[in-house]
Amino acid sequence: MSSLAGQDAFMHSLPFGWLMAAIAGLMIGVFAGAFHFWSLRIVTRRFVDGDLFAVALQVLRFGALGLVLFALSLAGAIPLIAATAGIVLARSYLLGRLGGMP
């Protein structure tokens, strides 16, 4: 038995387990996306000022988001897709609110 079969059994054993997984993934995605796009402003300012430490911060931003998405991929497709939707929601909210890209 693979580990993925165990995850599916857990998700289907609870009433509305798929819905709880989707809501949890969406919330994690919103928080991860909010951090990712909020920190974009800091990194951009450092790049413009000529600070080379901004490169390390940029790598850290992408690494953190990649780690969150990898962990959610281990939980299954439903949380991963919901987290991706949360990241897109956070992006549109923050960049629209801060006057960034559409």
Protein backbone atom coordinates (compact mmCIF):
# COMPACT_ATOMS: atom_id res chain seq x y z
CA MET A 1 0.00 0.00 0.00
CA SER A 2 1.41 3.36 -0.98
CA SER A 3 1.27 6.47 1.17
CA LEU A 4 -1.09 8.11 -1.31
CA ALA A 5 -3.67 5.39 -0.75
CA GLY A 6 -3.55 6.14 2.97
CA GLN A 7 -4.18 9.81 2.34
CA ASP A 8 -7.19 9.07 0.17
CA ALA A 9 -8.61 6.74 2.79
CA PHE A 10 -8.24 9.43 5.46
CA MET A 11 -9.86 12.09 3.29
CA HIS A 12 -12.81 9.86 2.43
CA SER A 13 -13.28 8.46 5.94
CA LEU A 14 -14.39 11.83 7.32
CA PRO A 15 -17.68 13.38 6.35
CA PHE A 16 -16.86 16.15 3.91
CA GLY A 17 -13.16 15.37 4.32
CA TRP A 18 -12.45 16.69 0.84
CA LEU A 19 -14.15 19.97 1.75
CA MET A 20 -12.09 20.35 4.92
CA ALA A 21 -8.93 19.63 2.93
CA ALA A 22 -9.93 22.24 0.35
CA ILE A 23 -10.66 24.88 2.98
CA ALA A 24 -7.38 24.18 4.78
CA GLY A 25 -5.48 24.35 1.49
CA LEU A 26 -7.18 27.61 0.56
CA MET A 27 -6.31 29.21 3.89
CA ILE A 28 -2.70 28.04 3.70
CA GLY A 29 -2.50 29.34 0.13
CA VAL A 30 -3.88 32.75 1.08
CA PHE A 31 -1.36 33.13 3.90
CA ALA A 32 1.55 31.85 1.81
CA GLY A 33 0.55 34.07 -1.11
CA ALA A 34 0.10 37.09 1.14
CA PHE A 35 3.60 36.64 2.54
CA HIS A 36 5.06 36.00 -0.91
CA PHE A 37 3.58 39.07 -2.57
CA TRP A 38 3.93 41.31 0.48
CA SER A 39 7.66 40.56 0.56
CA LEU A 40 7.85 41.38 -3.15
CA ARG A 41 7.68 45.07 -2.31
CA ILE A 42 10.62 44.77 0.08
CA VAL A 43 12.74 42.85 -2.41
CA THR A 44 11.90 45.26 -5.21
CA ARG A 45 12.93 48.27 -3.15
CA ARG A 46 16.23 46.58 -2.31
CA PHE A 47 16.85 45.73 -5.97
CA VAL A 48 16.20 49.33 -7.00
CA ASP A 49 18.55 50.59 -4.27
CA GLY A 50 21.30 48.29 -5.55
CA ASP A 51 21.37 46.02 -2.50
CA LEU A 52 22.70 42.61 -3.53
CA PHE A 53 21.13 41.01 -0.47
CA ALA A 54 17.88 41.27 -2.43
CA VAL A 55 19.00 38.30 -4.52
CA ALA A 56 19.16 36.12 -1.41
CA LEU A 57 15.76 37.39 -0.29
CA GLN A 58 14.31 36.58 -3.69
CA VAL A 59 15.65 33.03 -3.52
CA LEU A 60 14.24 32.74 0.01
CA ARG A 61 10.80 33.94 -1.17
CA PHE A 62 10.62 31.37 -3.96
CA GLY A 63 12.03 28.64 -1.75
CA ALA A 64 9.46 29.26 0.97
CA LEU A 65 6.58 29.22 -1.49
CA GLY A 66 7.96 26.12 -3.18
CA LEU A 67 8.28 24.36 0.17
CA VAL A 68 4.66 25.15 1.05
CA LEU A 69 3.45 23.88 -2.32
CA PHE A 70 5.57 20.73 -2.04
CA ALA A 71 4.17 19.98 1.42
CA LEU A 72 0.64 20.48 0.12
CA SER A 73 1.34 18.21 -2.84
CA LEU A 74 2.06 15.45 -0.35
CA ALA A 75 -1.38 16.03 1.15
CA GLY A 76 -3.07 15.49 -2.20
CA ALA A 77 -4.46 17.22 -5.24
CA ILE A 78 -7.41 18.92 -3.56
CA PRO A 79 -5.36 20.90 -0.99
CA LEU A 80 -2.76 21.75 -3.64
CA ILE A 81 -5.31 23.13 -6.09
CA ALA A 82 -7.10 25.03 -3.33
CA ALA A 83 -3.79 26.52 -2.13
CA THR A 84 -2.99 27.63 -5.66
CA ALA A 85 -6.35 29.41 -5.77
CA GLY A 86 -5.52 31.03 -2.43
CA ILE A 87 -2.19 32.27 -3.77
CA VAL A 88 -3.91 33.80 -6.79
CA LEU A 89 -6.50 35.47 -4.54
CA ALA A 90 -3.79 36.92 -2.31
CA ARG A 91 -1.89 38.14 -5.37
CA SER A 92 -4.86 39.92 -6.86
CA TYR A 93 -5.78 41.50 -3.53
CA LEU A 94 -2.30 42.67 -2.52
CA LEU A 95 -1.05 43.84 -5.89
CA GLY A 96 -4.34 45.60 -6.59
CA ARG A 97 -4.39 47.23 -3.16
CA LEU A 98 -0.77 48.30 -3.28
CA GLY A 99 -1.01 49.64 -6.82
CA GLY A 100 1.02 46.91 -8.44
CA MET A 101 0.47 44.86 -11.56
CA PRO A 102 -3.14 43.96 -12.50
